[in-house]
Amino acid sequence: MDDVPNAAAINEAVELAKGYEEPETVAFINGVLGSFVRGEVEPEAEAEEASAEAPADEPEQTPENGAEA
């Protein structure tokens, strides 16, 4: 779901875990989800931003009449 911020999704998972798990387990869940977002989601977003900012490739210019430069 692209419309849900990562921090909000992690916070909801942690809040749910608080009702069922020990505090150490809740901290572990928070750490795993945070690491996943930093390691998997953010590099993809950075790659998309870089490709959007990259200038379009200019077509190659060939010498006219077969002359070489």
N, C-alpha and C. Protein backbone atom coordinates (compact mmCIF):
# COMPACT_ATOMS: atom_id res chain seq x y z
N MET A 1 0.84 -1.17 0.00
CA MET A 1 0.00 0.00 0.00
C MET A 1 0.88 1.24 0.00
N ASP A 2 0.92 1.90 -1.11
CA ASP A 2 1.79 3.07 -1.24
C ASP A 2 1.28 4.28 -0.47
N ASP A 3 -0.01 4.31 -0.13
CA ASP A 3 -0.55 5.49 0.52
C ASP A 3 -0.37 5.48 2.04
N VAL A 4 0.16 4.40 2.60
CA VAL A 4 0.41 4.32 4.05
C VAL A 4 1.89 4.57 4.31
N PRO A 5 2.23 5.59 5.08
CA PRO A 5 3.65 5.85 5.38
C PRO A 5 4.27 4.66 6.12
N ASN A 6 5.52 4.39 5.84
CA ASN A 6 6.23 3.27 6.47
C ASN A 6 6.21 3.37 7.99
N ALA A 7 6.44 4.57 8.51
CA ALA A 7 6.49 4.74 9.96
C ALA A 7 5.14 4.41 10.60
N ALA A 8 4.06 4.77 9.92
CA ALA A 8 2.72 4.49 10.46
C ALA A 8 2.46 2.99 10.47
N ALA A 9 2.88 2.28 9.43
CA ALA A 9 2.68 0.83 9.36
C ALA A 9 3.49 0.12 10.44
N ILE A 10 4.73 0.56 10.65
CA ILE A 10 5.57 -0.04 11.69
C ILE A 10 4.97 0.24 13.06
N ASN A 11 4.53 1.46 13.29
CA ASN A 11 3.94 1.81 14.58
C ASN A 11 2.71 0.96 14.86
N GLU A 12 1.88 0.74 13.86
CA GLU A 12 0.68 -0.09 14.05
C GLU A 12 1.06 -1.53 14.40
N ALA A 13 2.06 -2.07 13.72
CA ALA A 13 2.51 -3.43 14.03
C ALA A 13 3.04 -3.53 15.45
N VAL A 14 3.79 -2.52 15.87
CA VAL A 14 4.35 -2.52 17.23
C VAL A 14 3.22 -2.41 18.25
N GLU A 15 2.25 -1.55 18.00
CA GLU A 15 1.13 -1.41 18.94
C GLU A 15 0.35 -2.71 19.05
N LEU A 16 0.13 -3.41 17.95
CA LEU A 16 -0.55 -4.70 18.00
C LEU A 16 0.25 -5.72 18.79
N ALA A 17 1.57 -5.73 18.58
CA ALA A 17 2.43 -6.69 19.27
C ALA A 17 2.44 -6.45 20.78
N LYS A 18 2.28 -5.20 21.19
CA LYS A 18 2.30 -4.88 22.62
C LYS A 18 1.20 -5.63 23.38
N GLY A 19 0.10 -5.92 22.72
CA GLY A 19 -1.00 -6.60 23.37
C GLY A 19 -0.79 -8.10 23.51
N TYR A 20 0.16 -8.65 22.78
CA TYR A 20 0.32 -10.11 22.76
C TYR A 20 1.71 -10.60 23.18
N GLU A 21 2.70 -9.74 23.13
CA GLU A 21 4.08 -10.17 23.33
C GLU A 21 4.74 -9.48 24.51
N GLU A 22 5.91 -10.00 24.86
CA GLU A 22 6.75 -9.42 25.91
C GLU A 22 7.44 -8.16 25.35
N PRO A 23 7.84 -7.22 26.21
CA PRO A 23 8.50 -6.00 25.74
C PRO A 23 9.74 -6.25 24.88
N GLU A 24 10.51 -7.29 25.21
CA GLU A 24 11.70 -7.60 24.42
C GLU A 24 11.32 -8.00 22.99
N THR A 25 10.23 -8.73 22.87
CA THR A 25 9.76 -9.16 21.56
C THR A 25 9.26 -7.98 20.76
N VAL A 26 8.57 -7.06 21.42
CA VAL A 26 8.07 -5.86 20.74
C VAL A 26 9.24 -5.04 20.20
N ALA A 27 10.29 -4.90 20.99
CA ALA A 27 11.47 -4.16 20.55
C ALA A 27 12.12 -4.87 19.35
N PHE A 28 12.14 -6.19 19.37
CA PHE A 28 12.70 -6.96 18.27
C PHE A 28 11.89 -6.73 16.99
N ILE A 29 10.58 -6.78 17.11
CA ILE A 29 9.71 -6.56 15.95
C ILE A 29 9.95 -5.17 15.37
N ASN A 30 10.02 -4.18 16.24
CA ASN A 30 10.29 -2.82 15.79
C ASN A 30 11.63 -2.74 15.05
N GLY A 31 12.66 -3.38 15.59
CA GLY A 31 13.97 -3.36 14.96
C GLY A 31 14.00 -4.06 13.62
N VAL A 32 13.33 -5.20 13.53
CA VAL A 32 13.31 -5.95 12.27
C VAL A 32 12.59 -5.15 11.19
N LEU A 33 11.42 -4.60 11.53
CA LEU A 33 10.66 -3.83 10.54
C LEU A 33 11.40 -2.56 10.13
N GLY A 34 12.03 -1.89 11.09
CA GLY A 34 12.80 -0.69 10.76
C GLY A 34 13.98 -1.01 9.86
N SER A 35 14.67 -2.10 10.14
CA SER A 35 15.80 -2.51 9.29
C SER A 35 15.34 -2.86 7.89
N PHE A 36 14.20 -3.52 7.81
CA PHE A 36 13.66 -3.87 6.50
C PHE A 36 13.37 -2.62 5.69
N VAL A 37 12.73 -1.65 6.29
CA VAL A 37 12.40 -0.43 5.57
C VAL A 37 13.67 0.30 5.12
N ARG A 38 14.64 0.39 6.01
CA ARG A 38 15.89 1.07 5.64
C ARG A 38 16.66 0.30 4.59
N GLY A 39 16.61 -1.02 4.62
CA GLY A 39 17.40 -1.82 3.69
C GLY A 39 16.72 -2.14 2.39
N GLU A 40 15.40 -2.20 2.37
CA GLU A 40 14.69 -2.63 1.16
C GLU A 40 13.92 -1.50 0.50
N VAL A 41 13.20 -0.74 1.25
CA VAL A 41 12.29 0.25 0.68
C VAL A 41 13.02 1.52 0.29
N GLU A 42 13.87 2.04 1.16
CA GLU A 42 14.53 3.29 0.88
C GLU A 42 15.47 3.23 -0.32
N PRO A 43 16.27 2.16 -0.52
CA PRO A 43 17.10 2.12 -1.73
C PRO A 43 16.26 2.14 -3.02
N GLU A 44 15.10 1.50 -3.01
CA GLU A 44 14.24 1.53 -4.18
C GLU A 44 13.75 2.95 -4.45
N ALA A 45 13.38 3.67 -3.40
CA ALA A 45 12.92 5.04 -3.55
C ALA A 45 14.05 5.93 -4.07
N GLU A 46 15.26 5.72 -3.56
CA GLU A 46 16.41 6.50 -4.02
C GLU A 46 16.69 6.22 -5.49
N ALA A 47 16.56 4.98 -5.91
CA ALA A 47 16.80 4.63 -7.31
C ALA A 47 15.76 5.29 -8.21
N GLU A 48 14.51 5.31 -7.76
CA GLU A 48 13.47 5.97 -8.55
C GLU A 48 13.73 7.46 -8.65
N GLU A 49 14.15 8.09 -7.55
CA GLU A 49 14.45 9.51 -7.57
C GLU A 49 15.63 9.80 -8.50
N ALA A 50 16.65 8.98 -8.47
CA ALA A 50 17.83 9.19 -9.31
C ALA A 50 17.47 9.06 -10.77
N SER A 51 16.64 8.10 -11.12
CA SER A 51 16.26 7.93 -12.53
C SER A 51 15.37 9.07 -13.00
N ALA A 52 14.58 9.64 -12.10
CA ALA A 52 13.73 10.76 -12.46
C ALA A 52 14.55 12.03 -12.65
N GLU A 53 15.64 12.16 -11.90
CA GLU A 53 16.48 13.35 -11.99
C GLU A 53 17.52 13.27 -13.10
N ALA A 54 17.81 12.08 -13.60
CA ALA A 54 18.85 11.91 -14.61
C ALA A 54 18.41 12.57 -15.91
N PRO A 55 19.33 13.27 -16.58
CA PRO A 55 18.96 13.90 -17.86
C PRO A 55 18.72 12.84 -18.92
N ALA A 56 17.85 13.16 -19.83
CA ALA A 56 17.54 12.22 -20.92
C ALA A 56 18.77 12.07 -21.80
N ASP A 57 19.00 10.88 -22.30
CA ASP A 57 20.13 10.63 -23.19
C ASP A 57 19.93 11.39 -24.49
N GLU A 58 20.98 12.05 -24.92
CA GLU A 58 20.91 12.76 -26.18
C GLU A 58 21.23 11.78 -27.30
N PRO A 59 20.57 11.92 -28.44
CA PRO A 59 20.86 11.02 -29.55
C PRO A 59 22.30 11.22 -30.03
N GLU A 60 22.88 10.14 -30.48
CA GLU A 60 24.25 10.22 -30.98
C GLU A 60 24.28 11.02 -32.27
N GLN A 61 25.31 11.84 -32.40
CA GLN A 61 25.45 12.61 -33.62
C GLN A 61 26.46 11.90 -34.50
N THR A 62 26.07 11.67 -35.72
CA THR A 62 26.96 11.01 -36.67
C THR A 62 27.47 12.03 -37.65
N PRO A 63 28.72 11.91 -38.05
CA PRO A 63 29.27 12.85 -39.04
C PRO A 63 28.53 12.68 -40.36
N GLU A 64 28.36 13.81 -41.05
CA GLU A 64 27.68 13.77 -42.34
C GLU A 64 28.62 13.27 -43.42
N ASN A 65 28.07 12.64 -44.42
CA ASN A 65 28.79 12.15 -45.59
C ASN A 65 29.88 11.15 -45.23
N GLY A 66 29.75 10.46 -44.13
CA GLY A 66 30.68 9.41 -43.76
C GLY A 66 32.02 9.92 -43.27
N ALA A 67 32.20 11.21 -43.10
CA ALA A 67 33.46 11.77 -42.63
C ALA A 67 33.56 11.51 -41.13
N GLU A 68 34.79 11.21 -40.71
CA GLU A 68 35.00 10.96 -39.28
C GLU A 68 35.51 12.22 -38.62
N ALA A 69 35.21 12.38 -37.36
CA ALA A 69 35.63 13.57 -36.63
C ALA A 69 37.04 13.44 -36.15
